[in-house]
Amino acid sequence: MVRKSYNLLQLIGTGEFSEVFKCIDTSSTNSFGTVSAIKIIDKLKVNNKLRLIKRELEILAKLKHVCRNKNDHHLENVLQLQDYFMTSNHICIITEMCLDIDLYDLITDKKQP
């Protein structure tokens, strides 16, 4: 298995247990690298919620499998898991980079008359 390498580019958001960065996969065959989002979860902060994180990974992995095996245009709106790995202190979840706008901003903009 090839170990991928990611360079963090820009902080996108923060949460109670994690930070999300725009990143680039430097091991990509694309000469410019592949731009993705990486959610870095602090294991110490999620101590008793680790099963929820594992469940999130299971769901993302199942969705990736379903979306890859179906030719359904409705599934193109599902965020795709690209990779994940764990270190001694962190859980890292890499997904495709889907928007340059915050989801909250997108929703509230649509509500404007």
Protein backbone atom coordinates (compact mmCIF):
# COMPACT_ATOMS: atom_id res chain seq x y z
CA MET A 1 0.00 0.00 0.00
CA VAL A 2 1.30 3.43 -0.94
CA ARG A 3 1.36 5.89 1.94
CA LYS A 4 -0.10 9.19 0.79
CA SER A 5 1.30 12.53 1.81
CA TYR A 6 -0.77 15.67 2.37
CA ASN A 7 0.29 19.30 2.67
CA LEU A 8 -2.09 21.55 4.60
CA LEU A 9 -2.91 24.72 2.65
CA GLN A 10 -5.55 26.69 4.51
CA LEU A 11 -7.76 26.35 7.57
CA ILE A 12 -11.38 26.02 6.42
CA GLY A 13 -13.13 25.57 9.75
CA THR A 14 -12.95 24.43 13.34
CA GLY A 15 -15.18 22.44 15.62
CA GLU A 16 -15.23 21.20 19.17
CA PHE A 17 -13.00 18.21 18.40
CA SER A 18 -11.41 18.97 15.05
CA GLU A 19 -10.05 21.34 12.45
CA VAL A 20 -10.67 21.14 8.71
CA PHE A 21 -8.02 22.22 6.24
CA LYS A 22 -7.83 22.54 2.51
CA CYS A 23 -4.98 20.22 1.57
CA ILE A 24 -3.14 18.83 -1.41
CA ASP A 25 -2.24 15.20 -1.99
CA THR A 26 1.45 15.43 -2.88
CA SER A 27 1.59 11.74 -3.79
CA SER A 28 -0.98 12.26 -6.57
CA THR A 29 -0.01 11.37 -10.13
CA ASN A 30 -1.45 14.74 -11.15
CA SER A 31 1.56 17.09 -11.39
CA PHE A 32 -0.34 19.78 -9.46
CA GLY A 33 -1.61 17.39 -6.79
CA THR A 34 -5.21 16.76 -5.87
CA VAL A 35 -6.95 19.38 -3.72
CA SER A 36 -9.04 17.87 -0.93
CA ALA A 37 -10.34 18.62 2.55
CA ILE A 38 -8.78 16.98 5.59
CA LYS A 39 -10.59 16.79 8.92
CA ILE A 40 -8.05 16.37 11.73
CA ILE A 41 -9.70 15.06 14.88
CA ASP A 42 -7.89 15.25 18.22
CA LYS A 43 -8.21 11.81 19.86
CA LEU A 44 -7.82 13.26 23.35
CA LYS A 45 -10.81 15.55 22.83
CA VAL A 46 -13.09 12.78 21.50
CA ASN A 47 -12.08 10.30 24.16
CA ASN A 48 -15.59 8.99 24.90
CA LYS A 49 -16.99 9.74 21.42
CA LEU A 50 -14.56 7.57 19.47
CA ARG A 51 -17.33 5.19 18.42
CA LEU A 52 -19.15 8.12 16.74
CA ILE A 53 -16.04 8.91 14.71
CA LYS A 54 -15.72 5.26 13.71
CA ARG A 55 -19.39 5.29 12.69
CA GLU A 56 -18.81 8.41 10.56
CA LEU A 57 -15.98 6.60 8.77
CA GLU A 58 -18.14 3.50 8.23
CA ILE A 59 -20.93 5.60 6.71
CA LEU A 60 -18.54 7.53 4.44
CA ALA A 61 -16.91 4.28 3.31
CA LYS A 62 -20.30 2.70 2.52
CA LEU A 63 -21.39 5.79 0.59
CA LYS A 64 -18.16 5.71 -1.39
CA HIS A 65 -18.82 2.08 -2.31
CA VAL A 66 -22.45 2.74 -3.27
CA CYS A 67 -21.60 5.82 -5.33
CA ARG A 68 -18.79 4.03 -7.14
CA ASN A 69 -21.00 1.06 -8.06
CA LYS A 70 -24.12 2.89 -9.20
CA ASN A 71 -24.65 5.06 -12.24
CA ASP A 72 -27.12 7.31 -10.47
CA HIS A 73 -26.76 11.05 -11.07
CA HIS A 74 -28.46 11.75 -7.71
CA LEU A 75 -25.41 10.31 -5.94
CA GLU A 76 -23.09 12.92 -7.42
CA ASN A 77 -24.13 15.25 -4.58
CA VAL A 78 -22.76 12.92 -1.90
CA LEU A 79 -19.44 14.00 -0.41
CA GLN A 80 -16.85 11.35 -1.26
CA LEU A 81 -14.38 9.84 1.19
CA GLN A 82 -10.93 9.69 -0.39
CA ASP A 83 -8.77 8.38 2.43
CA TYR A 84 -8.38 8.18 6.17
CA PHE A 85 -5.63 7.29 8.60
CA MET A 86 -4.83 7.47 12.28
CA THR A 87 -1.78 8.62 14.18
CA SER A 88 -1.13 8.27 17.88
CA ASN A 89 -2.90 11.60 18.55
CA HIS A 90 -5.20 12.20 15.58
CA ILE A 91 -7.78 10.71 13.25
CA CYS A 92 -7.54 12.20 9.76
CA ILE A 93 -10.43 11.98 7.29
CA ILE A 94 -9.79 13.13 3.73
CA THR A 95 -12.76 13.98 1.52
CA GLU A 96 -13.18 15.72 -1.77
CA MET A 97 -13.17 19.50 -1.65
CA CYS A 98 -16.67 20.43 -2.70
CA LEU A 99 -17.40 24.10 -2.06
CA ASP A 100 -15.54 27.36 -1.70
CA ILE A 101 -18.49 28.65 0.33
CA ASP A 102 -19.61 27.69 3.81
CA LEU A 103 -22.73 25.49 3.80
CA TYR A 104 -24.43 27.81 6.31
CA ASP A 105 -23.83 30.81 4.01
CA LEU A 106 -25.19 28.87 1.04
CA ILE A 107 -28.39 27.95 2.93
CA THR A 108 -28.99 31.45 4.29
CA ASP A 109 -28.34 33.03 0.87
CA LYS A 110 -31.08 30.85 -0.64
CA LYS A 111 -33.54 32.06 2.01
CA GLN A 112 -33.03 35.71 1.01
CA PRO A 113 -35.93 37.12 -1.09
